[in-house]
């Protein structure tokens, strides 16, 4: 993972204004072992970074299928 891919929580939120908040991103990080975000979280000492491409992939994987896309017989 290239270091230039690492972002702070604040940088991730600033990149997505109006969509993400620091509180929700920190909650996801706190629950990373349960929600599958662990692969995008990098801890160096007390600092927490997100691998931007891995975080973007995780976000994309969280999309729910719309109810009308279910297969109907």
C-alpha atoms as a PDB file:
ATOM      1  CA  UNK A   1       0.000   0.000   0.000  1.00  0.00           C
ATOM      2  CA  UNK A   2       1.564   3.269  -1.063  1.00  0.00           C
ATOM      3  CA  UNK A   3       1.718   5.898   1.679  1.00  0.00           C
ATOM      4  CA  UNK A   4       0.116   8.456  -0.617  1.00  0.00           C
ATOM      5  CA  UNK A   5      -3.119   6.414  -0.363  1.00  0.00           C
ATOM      6  CA  UNK A   6      -3.398   7.035   3.394  1.00  0.00           C
ATOM      7  CA  UNK A   7      -5.913   9.639   4.563  1.00  0.00           C
ATOM      8  CA  UNK A   8      -6.912  10.886   7.991  1.00  0.00           C
ATOM      9  CA  UNK A   9     -10.554  10.669   8.992  1.00  0.00           C
ATOM     10  CA  UNK A  10     -10.825  14.420   8.513  1.00  0.00           C
ATOM     11  CA  UNK A  11      -9.402  14.182   4.967  1.00  0.00           C
ATOM     12  CA  UNK A  12     -11.869  11.424   4.043  1.00  0.00           C
ATOM     13  CA  UNK A  13     -14.778  13.503   5.340  1.00  0.00           C
ATOM     14  CA  UNK A  14     -13.550  16.647   3.539  1.00  0.00           C
ATOM     15  CA  UNK A  15     -13.365  14.636   0.302  1.00  0.00           C
ATOM     16  CA  UNK A  16     -17.054  13.700   0.706  1.00  0.00           C
ATOM     17  CA  UNK A  17     -18.794  16.805   2.078  1.00  0.00           C
ATOM     18  CA  UNK A  18     -22.421  16.391   3.023  1.00  0.00           C
ATOM     19  CA  UNK A  19     -22.210  12.612   2.714  1.00  0.00           C
ATOM     20  CA  UNK A  20     -19.924  11.549   5.576  1.00  0.00           C
ATOM     21  CA  UNK A  21     -19.304  12.927   9.040  1.00  0.00           C
ATOM     22  CA  UNK A  22     -16.295  12.370  11.279  1.00  0.00           C
ATOM     23  CA  UNK A  23     -18.573  10.738  13.843  1.00  0.00           C
ATOM     24  CA  UNK A  24     -19.912   8.109  11.449  1.00  0.00           C
ATOM     25  CA  UNK A  25     -16.471   7.311  10.010  1.00  0.00           C
ATOM     26  CA  UNK A  26     -15.030   6.943  13.522  1.00  0.00           C
ATOM     27  CA  UNK A  27     -17.945   4.655  14.446  1.00  0.00           C
ATOM     28  CA  UNK A  28     -17.189   2.501  11.413  1.00  0.00           C
ATOM     29  CA  UNK A  29     -13.512   2.373  12.441  1.00  0.00           C
ATOM     30  CA  UNK A  30     -14.439   1.478  16.038  1.00  0.00           C
ATOM     31  CA  UNK A  31     -16.545  -1.408  14.686  1.00  0.00           C
ATOM     32  CA  UNK A  32     -14.142  -2.379  11.884  1.00  0.00           C
ATOM     33  CA  UNK A  33     -13.716  -5.949  13.130  1.00  0.00           C
ATOM     34  CA  UNK A  34     -17.483  -6.499  12.839  1.00  0.00           C
ATOM     35  CA  UNK A  35     -18.268  -4.545   9.665  1.00  0.00           C
ATOM     36  CA  UNK A  36     -15.347  -5.610   7.464  1.00  0.00           C
ATOM     37  CA  UNK A  37     -13.626  -2.210   7.288  1.00  0.00           C
ATOM     38  CA  UNK A  38     -10.502  -3.546   9.038  1.00  0.00           C
ATOM     39  CA  UNK A  39      -8.609  -3.964   5.768  1.00  0.00           C
ATOM     40  CA  UNK A  40      -8.780  -0.214   5.143  1.00  0.00           C
ATOM     41  CA  UNK A  41      -7.735   0.901   8.646  1.00  0.00           C
ATOM     42  CA  UNK A  42      -4.065   1.623   9.351  1.00  0.00           C
ATOM     43  CA  UNK A  43      -2.999   2.451  12.898  1.00  0.00           C
ATOM     44  CA  UNK A  44       0.375   4.061  13.515  1.00  0.00           C
ATOM     45  CA  UNK A  45       0.754   4.762  17.211  1.00  0.00           C
ATOM     46  CA  UNK A  46      -2.347   6.675  18.236  1.00  0.00           C
ATOM     47  CA  UNK A  47      -3.003   7.943  14.707  1.00  0.00           C
ATOM     48  CA  UNK A  48      -5.628   6.259  12.547  1.00  0.00           C
ATOM     49  CA  UNK A  49      -5.522   6.404   8.770  1.00  0.00           C
ATOM     50  CA  UNK A  50      -7.711   4.980   6.051  1.00  0.00           C
ATOM     51  CA  UNK A  51      -6.359   3.445   2.867  1.00  0.00           C
ATOM     52  CA  UNK A  52      -8.476   5.449   0.413  1.00  0.00           C
ATOM     53  CA  UNK A  53      -8.817   2.798  -2.345  1.00  0.00           C
ATOM     54  CA  UNK A  54      -9.680   0.092   0.231  1.00  0.00           C
ATOM     55  CA  UNK A  55     -12.167   2.443   1.939  1.00  0.00           C
ATOM     56  CA  UNK A  56     -13.781   3.265  -1.424  1.00  0.00           C
ATOM     57  CA  UNK A  57     -14.116  -0.481  -2.159  1.00  0.00           C
ATOM     58  CA  UNK A  58     -15.659  -1.064   1.257  1.00  0.00           C
ATOM     59  CA  UNK A  59     -18.170   1.747   0.706  1.00  0.00           C
ATOM     60  CA  UNK A  60     -19.108   0.279  -2.688  1.00  0.00           C
ATOM     61  CA  UNK A  61     -19.624  -3.149  -1.091  1.00  0.00           C
ATOM     62  CA  UNK A  62     -22.121  -1.665   1.392  1.00  0.00           C
ATOM     63  CA  UNK A  63     -24.669  -0.784  -1.263  1.00  0.00           C
ATOM     64  CA  UNK A  64     -27.970  -2.464  -0.616  1.00  0.00           C
ATOM     65  CA  UNK A  65     -29.830  -3.976  -3.526  1.00  0.00           C
ATOM     66  CA  UNK A  66     -32.982  -2.025  -4.276  1.00  0.00           C
ATOM     67  CA  UNK A  67     -36.154  -4.036  -3.546  1.00  0.00           C
ATOM     68  CA  UNK A  68     -37.246  -3.900  -7.185  1.00  0.00           C
ATOM     69  CA  UNK A  69     -34.084  -5.692  -8.327  1.00  0.00           C
ATOM     70  CA  UNK A  70     -35.040  -8.949  -6.603  1.00  0.00           C
ATOM     71  CA  UNK A  71     -35.726 -11.785  -9.018  1.00  0.00           C
ATOM     72  CA  UNK A  72     -39.426 -12.272  -9.497  1.00  0.00           C
ATOM     73  CA  UNK A  73     -40.945 -15.502 -10.762  1.00  0.00           C
END
